[in-house]
Amino acid sequence: MDTKKPDNVADKPGLLPYGSNVSAPSIKPVDLTTFKKNGLDKVNKVFDRRYKEIVEQAETLQKSFLITQTVYESKYKFEPIIGEIYHLYEDSDGGYSLSIISPSEWNKPHVYSVVLNSDMTWTKID
């Protein structure tokens, strides 16, 4: 059997991306330029906002780390209690001391006040 087809005949003409004969409707490609530009603008705004959020979270984490590190490296001779307020003072040798004595009761350079959190990090309080 001869399976050769006559010229200009497709096996599945309904699946072609173009008309397969003269009487077929014209197929015009859709211009996606506007869709792509608008989509890219919107997704760029989403990524930009998310990037700024991540940068802000990283800065907050870094500040928290520095406060916690400073307090743990300071001098103190007691075991701090979670949830209590403590005060960090600058020593004459350039180091730091942690104390329960408030700044109004002690004439020493006060750096800031902190509270010990349940996860053992320190938070600076105003």
PDB file of N, CA and C in Angstrom:
ATOM      1  N   MET A   1       0.816  -1.190   0.000  1.00  0.00           N
ATOM      2  CA  MET A   1       0.000   0.000   0.000  1.00  0.00           C
ATOM      3  C   MET A   1       0.855   1.247   0.000  1.00  0.00           C
ATOM      4  N   ASP A   2       0.427   2.163  -0.770  1.00  0.00           N
ATOM      5  CA  ASP A   2       1.158   3.422  -0.882  1.00  0.00           C
ATOM      6  C   ASP A   2       0.592   4.411   0.139  1.00  0.00           C
ATOM      7  N   THR A   3       1.434   4.890   1.055  1.00  0.00           N
ATOM      8  CA  THR A   3       0.988   5.835   2.086  1.00  0.00           C
ATOM      9  C   THR A   3       1.351   7.261   1.736  1.00  0.00           C
ATOM     10  N   LYS A   4       1.793   7.467   0.530  1.00  0.00           N
ATOM     11  CA  LYS A   4       2.173   8.794   0.101  1.00  0.00           C
ATOM     12  C   LYS A   4       0.918   9.650  -0.082  1.00  0.00           C
ATOM     13  N   LYS A   5       0.961  10.846   0.448  1.00  0.00           N
ATOM     14  CA  LYS A   5      -0.199  11.743   0.372  1.00  0.00           C
ATOM     15  C   LYS A   5       0.039  12.746  -0.753  1.00  0.00           C
ATOM     16  N   PRO A   6      -1.038  13.260  -1.281  1.00  0.00           N
ATOM     17  CA  PRO A   6      -0.876  14.294  -2.313  1.00  0.00           C
ATOM     18  C   PRO A   6      -0.270  15.561  -1.712  1.00  0.00           C
ATOM     19  N   ASP A   7       0.267  16.409  -2.545  1.00  0.00           N
ATOM     20  CA  ASP A   7       0.866  17.661  -2.082  1.00  0.00           C
ATOM     21  C   ASP A   7      -0.126  18.489  -1.271  1.00  0.00           C
ATOM     22  N   ASN A   8       0.412  19.236  -0.285  1.00  0.00           N
ATOM     23  CA  ASN A   8      -0.351  20.169   0.541  1.00  0.00           C
ATOM     24  C   ASN A   8      -1.426  19.521   1.398  1.00  0.00           C
ATOM     25  N   VAL A   9      -1.234  18.289   1.773  1.00  0.00           N
ATOM     26  CA  VAL A   9      -2.190  17.642   2.664  1.00  0.00           C
ATOM     27  C   VAL A   9      -1.438  17.277   3.948  1.00  0.00           C
ATOM     28  N   ALA A  10      -1.959  17.747   5.058  1.00  0.00           N
ATOM     29  CA  ALA A  10      -1.326  17.469   6.342  1.00  0.00           C
ATOM     30  C   ALA A  10      -2.018  16.290   6.994  1.00  0.00           C
ATOM     31  N   ASP A  11      -1.263  15.562   7.857  1.00  0.00           N
ATOM     32  CA  ASP A  11      -1.841  14.431   8.568  1.00  0.00           C
ATOM     33  C   ASP A  11      -2.955  14.890   9.514  1.00  0.00           C
ATOM     34  N   LYS A  12      -2.690  15.925  10.273  1.00  0.00           N
ATOM     35  CA  LYS A  12      -3.673  16.449  11.243  1.00  0.00           C
ATOM     36  C   LYS A  12      -3.764  17.958  11.056  1.00  0.00           C
ATOM     37  N   PRO A  13      -4.533  18.413  10.087  1.00  0.00           N
ATOM     38  CA  PRO A  13      -4.565  19.843   9.771  1.00  0.00           C
ATOM     39  C   PRO A  13      -5.120  20.696  10.915  1.00  0.00           C
ATOM     40  N   GLY A  14      -5.923  20.139  11.815  1.00  0.00           N
ATOM     41  CA  GLY A  14      -6.482  20.912  12.921  1.00  0.00           C
ATOM     42  C   GLY A  14      -5.447  21.289  13.972  1.00  0.00           C
ATOM     43  N   LEU A  15      -4.290  20.635  13.936  1.00  0.00           N
ATOM     44  CA  LEU A  15      -3.256  20.900  14.933  1.00  0.00           C
ATOM     45  C   LEU A  15      -2.150  21.816  14.413  1.00  0.00           C
ATOM     46  N   LEU A  16      -2.239  22.232  13.182  1.00  0.00           N
ATOM     47  CA  LEU A  16      -1.209  23.106  12.613  1.00  0.00           C
ATOM     48  C   LEU A  16      -1.359  24.525  13.155  1.00  0.00           C
ATOM     49  N   PRO A  17      -0.255  25.238  13.339  1.00  0.00           N
ATOM     50  CA  PRO A  17      -0.330  26.612  13.833  1.00  0.00           C
ATOM     51  C   PRO A  17      -0.665  27.618  12.725  1.00  0.00           C
ATOM     52  N   TYR A  18      -1.053  27.147  11.580  1.00  0.00           N
ATOM     53  CA  TYR A  18      -1.398  28.005  10.450  1.00  0.00           C
ATOM     54  C   TYR A  18      -2.477  27.308   9.641  1.00  0.00           C
ATOM     55  N   GLY A  19      -3.137  28.045   8.803  1.00  0.00           N
ATOM     56  CA  GLY A  19      -4.167  27.465   7.947  1.00  0.00           C
ATOM     57  C   GLY A  19      -3.562  26.513   6.931  1.00  0.00           C
ATOM     58  N   SER A  20      -4.198  25.377   6.720  1.00  0.00           N
ATOM     59  CA  SER A  20      -3.625  24.377   5.818  1.00  0.00           C
ATOM     60  C   SER A  20      -4.186  24.452   4.397  1.00  0.00           C
ATOM     61  N   ASN A  21      -5.173  25.329   4.167  1.00  0.00           N
ATOM     62  CA  ASN A  21      -5.667  25.517   2.808  1.00  0.00           C
ATOM     63  C   ASN A  21      -6.163  26.955   2.652  1.00  0.00           C
ATOM     64  N   VAL A  22      -6.524  27.306   1.447  1.00  0.00           N
ATOM     65  CA  VAL A  22      -6.902  28.680   1.121  1.00  0.00           C
ATOM     66  C   VAL A  22      -8.165  29.106   1.867  1.00  0.00           C
ATOM     67  N   SER A  23      -9.093  28.215   2.097  1.00  0.00           N
ATOM     68  CA  SER A  23     -10.353  28.597   2.732  1.00  0.00           C
ATOM     69  C   SER A  23     -10.276  28.584   4.272  1.00  0.00           C
ATOM     70  N   ALA A  24      -9.125  28.249   4.839  1.00  0.00           N
ATOM     71  CA  ALA A  24      -8.974  28.223   6.297  1.00  0.00           C
ATOM     72  C   ALA A  24      -8.964  29.659   6.836  1.00  0.00           C
ATOM     73  N   PRO A  25      -9.470  29.861   8.049  1.00  0.00           N
ATOM     74  CA  PRO A  25      -9.445  31.209   8.627  1.00  0.00           C
ATOM     75  C   PRO A  25      -8.000  31.644   8.898  1.00  0.00           C
ATOM     76  N   SER A  26      -7.791  32.944   8.808  1.00  0.00           N
ATOM     77  CA  SER A  26      -6.434  33.423   9.041  1.00  0.00           C
ATOM     78  C   SER A  26      -6.128  33.348  10.538  1.00  0.00           C
ATOM     79  N   ILE A  27      -4.927  32.969  10.828  1.00  0.00           N
ATOM     80  CA  ILE A  27      -4.487  32.854  12.213  1.00  0.00           C
ATOM     81  C   ILE A  27      -3.484  33.973  12.464  1.00  0.00           C
ATOM     82  N   LYS A  28      -3.854  34.853  13.381  1.00  0.00           N
ATOM     83  CA  LYS A  28      -2.981  35.978  13.697  1.00  0.00           C
ATOM     84  C   LYS A  28      -2.383  35.746  15.084  1.00  0.00           C
ATOM     85  N   PRO A  29      -1.079  35.825  15.198  1.00  0.00           N
ATOM     86  CA  PRO A  29      -0.462  35.632  16.513  1.00  0.00           C
ATOM     87  C   PRO A  29      -0.846  36.768  17.469  1.00  0.00           C
ATOM     88  N   VAL A  30      -1.035  36.420  18.711  1.00  0.00           N
ATOM     89  CA  VAL A  30      -1.404  37.401  19.723  1.00  0.00           C
ATOM     90  C   VAL A  30      -0.151  38.167  20.140  1.00  0.00           C
ATOM     91  N   ASP A  31      -0.275  39.483  20.220  1.00  0.00           N
ATOM     92  CA  ASP A  31       0.852  40.307  20.651  1.00  0.00           C
ATOM     93  C   ASP A  31       0.903  40.274  22.182  1.00  0.00           C
ATOM     94  N   LEU A  32       1.922  39.632  22.731  1.00  0.00           N
ATOM     95  CA  LEU A  32       2.063  39.466  24.171  1.00  0.00           C
ATOM     96  C   LEU A  32       3.009  40.484  24.797  1.00  0.00           C
ATOM     97  N   THR A  33       3.453  41.458  24.028  1.00  0.00           N
ATOM     98  CA  THR A  33       4.411  42.437  24.527  1.00  0.00           C
ATOM     99  C   THR A  33       3.866  43.185  25.743  1.00  0.00           C
ATOM    100  N   THR A  34       2.646  43.674  25.659  1.00  0.00           N
ATOM    101  CA  THR A  34       2.042  44.417  26.766  1.00  0.00           C
ATOM    102  C   THR A  34       1.848  43.514  27.979  1.00  0.00           C
ATOM    103  N   PHE A  35       1.367  42.310  27.750  1.00  0.00           N
ATOM    104  CA  PHE A  35       1.163  41.360  28.851  1.00  0.00           C
ATOM    105  C   PHE A  35       2.479  41.083  29.573  1.00  0.00           C
ATOM    106  N   LYS A  36       3.529  40.827  28.802  1.00  0.00           N
ATOM    107  CA  LYS A  36       4.826  40.523  29.400  1.00  0.00           C
ATOM    108  C   LYS A  36       5.386  41.724  30.156  1.00  0.00           C
ATOM    109  N   LYS A  37       5.256  42.922  29.589  1.00  0.00           N
ATOM    110  CA  LYS A  37       5.775  44.123  30.244  1.00  0.00           C
ATOM    111  C   LYS A  37       5.017  44.379  31.550  1.00  0.00           C
ATOM    112  N   ASN A  38       3.693  44.300  31.516  1.00  0.00           N
ATOM    113  CA  ASN A  38       2.906  44.515  32.737  1.00  0.00           C
ATOM    114  C   ASN A  38       3.208  43.447  33.785  1.00  0.00           C
ATOM    115  N   GLY A  39       3.324  42.212  33.350  1.00  0.00           N
ATOM    116  CA  GLY A  39       3.642  41.128  34.280  1.00  0.00           C
ATOM    117  C   GLY A  39       5.007  41.318  34.908  1.00  0.00           C
ATOM    118  N   LEU A  40       5.972  41.710  34.108  1.00  0.00           N
ATOM    119  CA  LEU A  40       7.325  41.934  34.612  1.00  0.00           C
ATOM    120  C   LEU A  40       7.360  43.108  35.593  1.00  0.00           C
ATOM    121  N   ASP A  41       6.619  44.171  35.280  1.00  0.00           N
ATOM    122  CA  ASP A  41       6.548  45.322  36.199  1.00  0.00           C
ATOM    123  C   ASP A  41       5.954  44.904  37.543  1.00  0.00           C
ATOM    124  N   LYS A  42       4.880  44.132  37.501  1.00  0.00           N
ATOM    125  CA  LYS A  42       4.225  43.700  38.743  1.00  0.00           C
ATOM    126  C   LYS A  42       5.119  42.763  39.554  1.00  0.00           C
ATOM    127  N   VAL A  43       5.743  41.812  38.898  1.00  0.00           N
ATOM    128  CA  VAL A  43       6.586  40.865  39.622  1.00  0.00           C
ATOM    129  C   VAL A  43       7.837  41.560  40.162  1.00  0.00           C
ATOM    130  N   ASN A  44       8.344  42.564  39.454  1.00  0.00           N
ATOM    131  CA  ASN A  44       9.486  43.329  39.961  1.00  0.00           C
ATOM    132  C   ASN A  44       9.118  44.074  41.233  1.00  0.00           C
ATOM    133  N   LYS A  45       7.906  44.614  41.293  1.00  0.00           N
ATOM    134  CA  LYS A  45       7.447  45.295  42.509  1.00  0.00           C
ATOM    135  C   LYS A  45       7.332  44.308  43.668  1.00  0.00           C
ATOM    136  N   VAL A  46       6.829  43.110  43.384  1.00  0.00           N
ATOM    137  CA  VAL A  46       6.700  42.085  44.423  1.00  0.00           C
ATOM    138  C   VAL A  46       8.083  41.695  44.943  1.00  0.00           C
ATOM    139  N   PHE A  47       9.012  41.432  44.035  1.00  0.00           N
ATOM    140  CA  PHE A  47      10.363  41.043  44.443  1.00  0.00           C
ATOM    141  C   PHE A  47      11.078  42.182  45.162  1.00  0.00           C
ATOM    142  N   ASP A  48      10.885  43.412  44.709  1.00  0.00           N
ATOM    143  CA  ASP A  48      11.509  44.563  45.356  1.00  0.00           C
ATOM    144  C   ASP A  48      10.991  44.729  46.785  1.00  0.00           C
ATOM    145  N   ARG A  49       9.679  44.601  46.973  1.00  0.00           N
ATOM    146  CA  ARG A  49       9.093  44.715  48.309  1.00  0.00           C
ATOM    147  C   ARG A  49       9.604  43.597  49.213  1.00  0.00           C
ATOM    148  N   ARG A  50       9.636  42.384  48.696  1.00  0.00           N
ATOM    149  CA  ARG A  50      10.101  41.239  49.488  1.00  0.00           C
ATOM    150  C   ARG A  50      11.588  41.391  49.833  1.00  0.00           C
ATOM    151  N   TYR A  51      12.382  41.889  48.890  1.00  0.00           N
ATOM    152  CA  TYR A  51      13.809  42.117  49.130  1.00  0.00           C
ATOM    153  C   TYR A  51      13.996  43.129  50.261  1.00  0.00           C
ATOM    154  N   LYS A  52      13.225  44.217  50.220  1.00  0.00           N
ATOM    155  CA  LYS A  52      13.322  45.235  51.268  1.00  0.00           C
ATOM    156  C   LYS A  52      12.922  44.665  52.625  1.00  0.00           C
ATOM    157  N   GLU A  53      11.905  43.808  52.653  1.00  0.00           N
ATOM    158  CA  GLU A  53      11.499  43.162  53.899  1.00  0.00           C
ATOM    159  C   GLU A  53      12.621  42.275  54.446  1.00  0.00           C
ATOM    160  N   ILE A  54      13.258  41.527  53.573  1.00  0.00           N
ATOM    161  CA  ILE A  54      14.350  40.632  53.992  1.00  0.00           C
ATOM    162  C   ILE A  54      15.537  41.443  54.502  1.00  0.00           C
ATOM    163  N   VAL A  55      15.868  42.542  53.817  1.00  0.00           N
ATOM    164  CA  VAL A  55      16.965  43.400  54.266  1.00  0.00           C
ATOM    165  C   VAL A  55      16.646  43.980  55.643  1.00  0.00           C
ATOM    166  N   GLU A  56      15.397  44.425  55.829  1.00  0.00           N
ATOM    167  CA  GLU A  56      14.988  44.976  57.124  1.00  0.00           C
ATOM    168  C   GLU A  56      15.065  43.909  58.223  1.00  0.00           C
ATOM    169  N   GLN A  57      14.633  42.693  57.915  1.00  0.00           N
ATOM    170  CA  GLN A  57      14.727  41.602  58.887  1.00  0.00           C
ATOM    171  C   GLN A  57      16.182  41.279  59.215  1.00  0.00           C
ATOM    172  N   ALA A  58      17.037  41.303  58.204  1.00  0.00           N
ATOM    173  CA  ALA A  58      18.460  41.024  58.432  1.00  0.00           C
ATOM    174  C   ALA A  58      19.090  42.106  59.308  1.00  0.00           C
ATOM    175  N   GLU A  59      18.730  43.362  59.074  1.00  0.00           N
ATOM    176  CA  GLU A  59      19.265  44.448  59.898  1.00  0.00           C
ATOM    177  C   GLU A  59      18.786  44.317  61.341  1.00  0.00           C
ATOM    178  N   THR A  60      17.510  43.975  61.532  1.00  0.00           N
ATOM    179  CA  THR A  60      16.972  43.774  62.877  1.00  0.00           C
ATOM    180  C   THR A  60      17.676  42.618  63.568  1.00  0.00           C
ATOM    181  N   LEU A  61      17.892  41.536  62.843  1.00  0.00           N
ATOM    182  CA  LEU A  61      18.595  40.379  63.396  1.00  0.00           C
ATOM    183  C   LEU A  61      20.026  40.739  63.777  1.00  0.00           C
ATOM    184  N   GLN A  62      20.689  41.504  62.940  1.00  0.00           N
ATOM    185  CA  GLN A  62      22.062  41.913  63.224  1.00  0.00           C
ATOM    186  C   GLN A  62      22.116  42.787  64.484  1.00  0.00           C
ATOM    187  N   LYS A  63      21.196  43.732  64.616  1.00  0.00           N
ATOM    188  CA  LYS A  63      21.155  44.588  65.810  1.00  0.00           C
ATOM    189  C   LYS A  63      20.912  43.749  67.057  1.00  0.00           C
ATOM    190  N   SER A  64      19.974  42.813  66.956  1.00  0.00           N
ATOM    191  CA  SER A  64      19.671  41.939  68.086  1.00  0.00           C
ATOM    192  C   SER A  64      20.888  41.106  68.455  1.00  0.00           C
ATOM    193  N   PHE A  65      21.594  40.608  67.458  1.00  0.00           N
ATOM    194  CA  PHE A  65      22.807  39.825  67.699  1.00  0.00           C
ATOM    195  C   PHE A  65      23.863  40.658  68.420  1.00  0.00           C
ATOM    196  N   LEU A  66      24.080  41.888  67.962  1.00  0.00           N
ATOM    197  CA  LEU A  66      25.094  42.741  68.569  1.00  0.00           C
ATOM    198  C   LEU A  66      24.751  43.087  70.020  1.00  0.00           C
ATOM    199  N   ILE A  67      23.488  43.362  70.295  1.00  0.00           N
ATOM    200  CA  ILE A  67      23.055  43.646  71.667  1.00  0.00           C
ATOM    201  C   ILE A  67      23.284  42.420  72.544  1.00  0.00           C
ATOM    202  N   THR A  68      22.841  41.258  72.064  1.00  0.00           N
ATOM    203  CA  THR A  68      22.992  40.023  72.830  1.00  0.00           C
ATOM    204  C   THR A  68      24.464  39.709  73.070  1.00  0.00           C
ATOM    205  N   GLN A  69      25.275  39.850  72.044  1.00  0.00           N
ATOM    206  CA  GLN A  69      26.711  39.576  72.170  1.00  0.00           C
ATOM    207  C   GLN A  69      27.352  40.533  73.178  1.00  0.00           C
ATOM    208  N   THR A  70      27.007  41.801  73.105  1.00  0.00           N
ATOM    209  CA  THR A  70      27.574  42.791  74.026  1.00  0.00           C
ATOM    210  C   THR A  70      27.217  42.458  75.471  1.00  0.00           C
ATOM    211  N   VAL A  71      25.970  42.090  75.709  1.00  0.00           N
ATOM    212  CA  VAL A  71      25.540  41.777  77.078  1.00  0.00           C
ATOM    213  C   VAL A  71      26.243  40.522  77.584  1.00  0.00           C
ATOM    214  N   TYR A  72      26.307  39.473  76.772  1.00  0.00           N
ATOM    215  CA  TYR A  72      26.967  38.239  77.220  1.00  0.00           C
ATOM    216  C   TYR A  72      28.464  38.427  77.446  1.00  0.00           C
ATOM    217  N   GLU A  73      29.083  39.350  76.733  1.00  0.00           N
ATOM    218  CA  GLU A  73      30.510  39.613  76.901  1.00  0.00           C
ATOM    219  C   GLU A  73      30.792  40.599  78.029  1.00  0.00           C
ATOM    220  N   SER A  74      29.742  41.208  78.590  1.00  0.00           N
ATOM    221  CA  SER A  74      29.938  42.170  79.688  1.00  0.00           C
ATOM    222  C   SER A  74      30.222  41.433  81.001  1.00  0.00           C
ATOM    223  N   LYS A  75      30.638  42.207  82.018  1.00  0.00           N
ATOM    224  CA  LYS A  75      30.942  41.624  83.326  1.00  0.00           C
ATOM    225  C   LYS A  75      29.695  41.641  84.201  1.00  0.00           C
ATOM    226  N   TYR A  76      29.390  40.511  84.822  1.00  0.00           N
ATOM    227  CA  TYR A  76      28.344  40.440  85.840  1.00  0.00           C
ATOM    228  C   TYR A  76      28.569  39.189  86.658  1.00  0.00           C
ATOM    229  N   LYS A  77      28.146  39.235  87.928  1.00  0.00           N
ATOM    230  CA  LYS A  77      28.404  38.125  88.852  1.00  0.00           C
ATOM    231  C   LYS A  77      27.103  37.587  89.426  1.00  0.00           C
ATOM    232  N   PHE A  78      26.098  37.492  88.587  1.00  0.00           N
ATOM    233  CA  PHE A  78      24.807  36.948  88.995  1.00  0.00           C
ATOM    234  C   PHE A  78      24.184  36.272  87.781  1.00  0.00           C
ATOM    235  N   GLU A  79      23.218  35.424  88.033  1.00  0.00           N
ATOM    236  CA  GLU A  79      22.512  34.776  86.926  1.00  0.00           C
ATOM    237  C   GLU A  79      21.249  35.576  86.620  1.00  0.00           C
ATOM    238  N   PRO A  80      21.199  36.202  85.443  1.00  0.00           N
ATOM    239  CA  PRO A  80      20.025  37.007  85.093  1.00  0.00           C
ATOM    240  C   PRO A  80      18.749  36.165  85.030  1.00  0.00           C
ATOM    241  N   ILE A  81      17.644  36.798  85.382  1.00  0.00           N
ATOM    242  CA  ILE A  81      16.337  36.141  85.379  1.00  0.00           C
ATOM    243  C   ILE A  81      15.580  36.593  84.136  1.00  0.00           C
ATOM    244  N   ILE A  82      14.929  35.647  83.490  1.00  0.00           N
ATOM    245  CA  ILE A  82      14.163  35.937  82.276  1.00  0.00           C
ATOM    246  C   ILE A  82      13.044  36.927  82.614  1.00  0.00           C
ATOM    247  N   GLY A  83      12.933  37.955  81.785  1.00  0.00           N
ATOM    248  CA  GLY A  83      11.877  38.946  81.940  1.00  0.00           C
ATOM    249  C   GLY A  83      12.241  40.132  82.816  1.00  0.00           C
ATOM    250  N   GLU A  84      13.366  40.077  83.501  1.00  0.00           N
ATOM    251  CA  GLU A  84      13.782  41.180  84.367  1.00  0.00           C
ATOM    252  C   GLU A  84      14.570  42.217  83.562  1.00  0.00           C
ATOM    253  N   ILE A  85      14.528  43.464  84.030  1.00  0.00           N
ATOM    254  CA  ILE A  85      15.240  44.555  83.374  1.00  0.00           C
ATOM    255  C   ILE A  85      16.611  44.724  84.019  1.00  0.00           C
ATOM    256  N   TYR A  86      17.622  44.841  83.176  1.00  0.00           N
ATOM    257  CA  TYR A  86      18.992  45.054  83.616  1.00  0.00           C
ATOM    258  C   TYR A  86      19.553  46.257  82.878  1.00  0.00           C
ATOM    259  N   HIS A  87      20.650  46.793  83.395  1.00  0.00           N
ATOM    260  CA  HIS A  87      21.234  48.001  82.827  1.00  0.00           C
ATOM    261  C   HIS A  87      22.700  47.745  82.495  1.00  0.00           C
ATOM    262  N   LEU A  88      23.071  48.180  81.316  1.00  0.00           N
ATOM    263  CA  LEU A  88      24.438  48.003  80.847  1.00  0.00           C
ATOM    264  C   LEU A  88      25.180  49.322  81.031  1.00  0.00           C
ATOM    265  N   TYR A  89      26.342  49.255  81.689  1.00  0.00           N
ATOM    266  CA  TYR A  89      27.153  50.439  81.977  1.00  0.00           C
ATOM    267  C   TYR A  89      28.521  50.283  81.349  1.00  0.00           C
ATOM    268  N   GLU A  90      29.100  51.429  80.983  1.00  0.00           N
ATOM    269  CA  GLU A  90      30.449  51.429  80.416  1.00  0.00           C
ATOM    270  C   GLU A  90      31.459  51.564  81.546  1.00  0.00           C
ATOM    271  N   ASP A  91      32.451  50.676  81.543  1.00  0.00           N
ATOM    272  CA  ASP A  91      33.499  50.711  82.555  1.00  0.00           C
ATOM    273  C   ASP A  91      34.615  51.671  82.130  1.00  0.00           C
ATOM    274  N   SER A  92      35.468  52.016  83.073  1.00  0.00           N
ATOM    275  CA  SER A  92      36.585  52.930  82.789  1.00  0.00           C
ATOM    276  C   SER A  92      37.613  52.297  81.856  1.00  0.00           C
ATOM    277  N   ASP A  93      37.654  50.962  81.818  1.00  0.00           N
ATOM    278  CA  ASP A  93      38.607  50.275  80.937  1.00  0.00           C
ATOM    279  C   ASP A  93      38.066  50.050  79.526  1.00  0.00           C
ATOM    280  N   GLY A  94      36.874  50.556  79.238  1.00  0.00           N
ATOM    281  CA  GLY A  94      36.285  50.414  77.910  1.00  0.00           C
ATOM    282  C   GLY A  94      35.353  49.228  77.780  1.00  0.00           C
ATOM    283  N   GLY A  95      35.301  48.373  78.784  1.00  0.00           N
ATOM    284  CA  GLY A  95      34.398  47.226  78.755  1.00  0.00           C
ATOM    285  C   GLY A  95      33.015  47.613  79.256  1.00  0.00           C
ATOM    286  N   TYR A  96      32.197  46.621  79.491  1.00  0.00           N
ATOM    287  CA  TYR A  96      30.832  46.855  79.940  1.00  0.00           C
ATOM    288  C   TYR A  96      30.537  46.004  81.173  1.00  0.00           C
ATOM    289  N   SER A  97      29.618  46.529  81.989  1.00  0.00           N
ATOM    290  CA  SER A  97      29.137  45.796  83.160  1.00  0.00           C
ATOM    291  C   SER A  97      27.618  45.781  83.127  1.00  0.00           C
ATOM    292  N   LEU A  98      27.035  44.650  83.505  1.00  0.00           N
ATOM    293  CA  LEU A  98      25.589  44.507  83.586  1.00  0.00           C
ATOM    294  C   LEU A  98      25.196  44.582  85.050  1.00  0.00           C
ATOM    295  N   SER A  99      24.155  45.346  85.330  1.00  0.00           N
ATOM    296  CA  SER A  99      23.765  45.542  86.714  1.00  0.00           C
ATOM    297  C   SER A  99      22.252  45.653  86.838  1.00  0.00           C
ATOM    298  N   ILE A 100      21.769  45.393  88.069  1.00  0.00           N
ATOM    299  CA  ILE A 100      20.340  45.601  88.360  1.00  0.00           C
ATOM    300  C   ILE A 100      20.109  47.019  88.879  1.00  0.00           C
ATOM    301  N   ILE A 101      21.174  47.752  89.129  1.00  0.00           N
ATOM    302  CA  ILE A 101      21.065  49.121  89.632  1.00  0.00           C
ATOM    303  C   ILE A 101      20.665  50.045  88.485  1.00  0.00           C
ATOM    304  N   SER A 102      19.609  50.834  88.719  1.00  0.00           N
ATOM    305  CA  SER A 102      19.100  51.710  87.662  1.00  0.00           C
ATOM    306  C   SER A 102      20.017  52.910  87.464  1.00  0.00           C
ATOM    307  N   PRO A 103      19.963  53.537  86.298  1.00  0.00           N
ATOM    308  CA  PRO A 103      20.839  54.678  86.005  1.00  0.00           C
ATOM    309  C   PRO A 103      20.639  55.854  86.966  1.00  0.00           C
ATOM    310  N   SER A 104      19.432  56.010  87.500  1.00  0.00           N
ATOM    311  CA  SER A 104      19.184  57.123  88.434  1.00  0.00           C
ATOM    312  C   SER A 104      19.830  56.874  89.794  1.00  0.00           C
ATOM    313  N   GLU A 105      20.178  55.643  90.087  1.00  0.00           N
ATOM    314  CA  GLU A 105      20.779  55.294  91.375  1.00  0.00           C
ATOM    315  C   GLU A 105      22.301  55.179  91.324  1.00  0.00           C
ATOM    316  N   TRP A 106      22.870  55.253  90.092  1.00  0.00           N
ATOM    317  CA  TRP A 106      24.301  55.031  89.968  1.00  0.00           C
ATOM    318  C   TRP A 106      24.897  56.078  89.042  1.00  0.00           C
ATOM    319  N   ASN A 107      25.989  56.670  89.435  1.00  0.00           N
ATOM    320  CA  ASN A 107      26.638  57.703  88.647  1.00  0.00           C
ATOM    321  C   ASN A 107      27.742  57.072  87.786  1.00  0.00           C
ATOM    322  N   LYS A 108      27.304  56.264  86.832  1.00  0.00           N
ATOM    323  CA  LYS A 108      28.213  55.577  85.927  1.00  0.00           C
ATOM    324  C   LYS A 108      27.643  55.736  84.517  1.00  0.00           C
ATOM    325  N   PRO A 109      28.471  55.816  83.464  1.00  0.00           N
ATOM    326  CA  PRO A 109      27.944  55.990  82.097  1.00  0.00           C
ATOM    327  C   PRO A 109      27.009  54.827  81.697  1.00  0.00           C
ATOM    328  N   HIS A 110      25.726  55.146  81.525  1.00  0.00           N
ATOM    329  CA  HIS A 110      24.706  54.157  81.160  1.00  0.00           C
ATOM    330  C   HIS A 110      24.668  54.009  79.644  1.00  0.00           C
ATOM    331  N   VAL A 111      24.766  52.787  79.165  1.00  0.00           N
ATOM    332  CA  VAL A 111      24.745  52.527  77.720  1.00  0.00           C
ATOM    333  C   VAL A 111      23.303  52.325  77.269  1.00  0.00           C
ATOM    334  N   TYR A 112      22.632  51.319  77.823  1.00  0.00           N
ATOM    335  CA  TYR A 112      21.213  51.074  77.587  1.00  0.00           C
ATOM    336  C   TYR A 112      20.713  50.029  78.564  1.00  0.00           C
ATOM    337  N   SER A 113      19.401  49.887  78.598  1.00  0.00           N
ATOM    338  CA  SER A 113      18.775  48.880  79.452  1.00  0.00           C
ATOM    339  C   SER A 113      18.319  47.723  78.582  1.00  0.00           C
ATOM    340  N   VAL A 114      18.338  46.533  79.168  1.00  0.00           N
ATOM    341  CA  VAL A 114      17.987  45.330  78.417  1.00  0.00           C
ATOM    342  C   VAL A 114      17.089  44.422  79.258  1.00  0.00           C
ATOM    343  N   VAL A 115      16.430  43.518  78.572  1.00  0.00           N
ATOM    344  CA  VAL A 115      15.632  42.493  79.239  1.00  0.00           C
ATOM    345  C   VAL A 115      16.011  41.147  78.624  1.00  0.00           C
ATOM    346  N   LEU A 116      16.079  40.121  79.456  1.00  0.00           N
ATOM    347  CA  LEU A 116      16.414  38.772  78.985  1.00  0.00           C
ATOM    348  C   LEU A 116      15.144  38.075  78.516  1.00  0.00           C
ATOM    349  N   ASN A 117      15.168  37.582  77.279  1.00  0.00           N
ATOM    350  CA  ASN A 117      14.014  36.879  76.706  1.00  0.00           C
ATOM    351  C   ASN A 117      14.079  35.388  77.022  1.00  0.00           C
ATOM    352  N   SER A 118      12.977  34.697  76.818  1.00  0.00           N
ATOM    353  CA  SER A 118      12.920  33.264  77.113  1.00  0.00           C
ATOM    354  C   SER A 118      13.819  32.436  76.197  1.00  0.00           C
ATOM    355  N   ASP A 119      14.159  32.957  75.032  1.00  0.00           N
ATOM    356  CA  ASP A 119      15.068  32.239  74.125  1.00  0.00           C
ATOM    357  C   ASP A 119      16.531  32.601  74.399  1.00  0.00           C
ATOM    358  N   MET A 120      16.762  33.271  75.544  1.00  0.00           N
ATOM    359  CA  MET A 120      18.096  33.652  76.028  1.00  0.00           C
ATOM    360  C   MET A 120      18.753  34.745  75.191  1.00  0.00           C
ATOM    361  N   THR A 121      17.989  35.458  74.396  1.00  0.00           N
ATOM    362  CA  THR A 121      18.489  36.641  73.717  1.00  0.00           C
ATOM    363  C   THR A 121      18.158  37.851  74.568  1.00  0.00           C
ATOM    364  N   TRP A 122      18.859  38.925  74.332  1.00  0.00           N
ATOM    365  CA  TRP A 122      18.625  40.159  75.066  1.00  0.00           C
ATOM    366  C   TRP A 122      17.984  41.176  74.142  1.00  0.00           C
ATOM    367  N   THR A 123      17.038  41.941  74.671  1.00  0.00           N
ATOM    368  CA  THR A 123      16.363  42.975  73.904  1.00  0.00           C
ATOM    369  C   THR A 123      16.596  44.324  74.568  1.00  0.00           C
ATOM    370  N   LYS A 124      16.989  45.278  73.782  1.00  0.00           N
ATOM    371  CA  LYS A 124      17.202  46.638  74.274  1.00  0.00           C
ATOM    372  C   LYS A 124      15.841  47.286  74.507  1.00  0.00           C
ATOM    373  N   ILE A 125      15.696  47.948  75.654  1.00  0.00           N
ATOM    374  CA  ILE A 125      14.437  48.644  75.944  1.00  0.00           C
ATOM    375  C   ILE A 125      14.711  50.133  76.111  1.00  0.00           C
ATOM    376  N   ASP A 126      13.698  50.922  75.877  1.00  0.00           N
ATOM    377  CA  ASP A 126      13.844  52.378  75.999  1.00  0.00           C
ATOM    378  C   ASP A 126      13.523  52.835  77.399  1.00  0.00           C
TER     379      ASP A 126
END
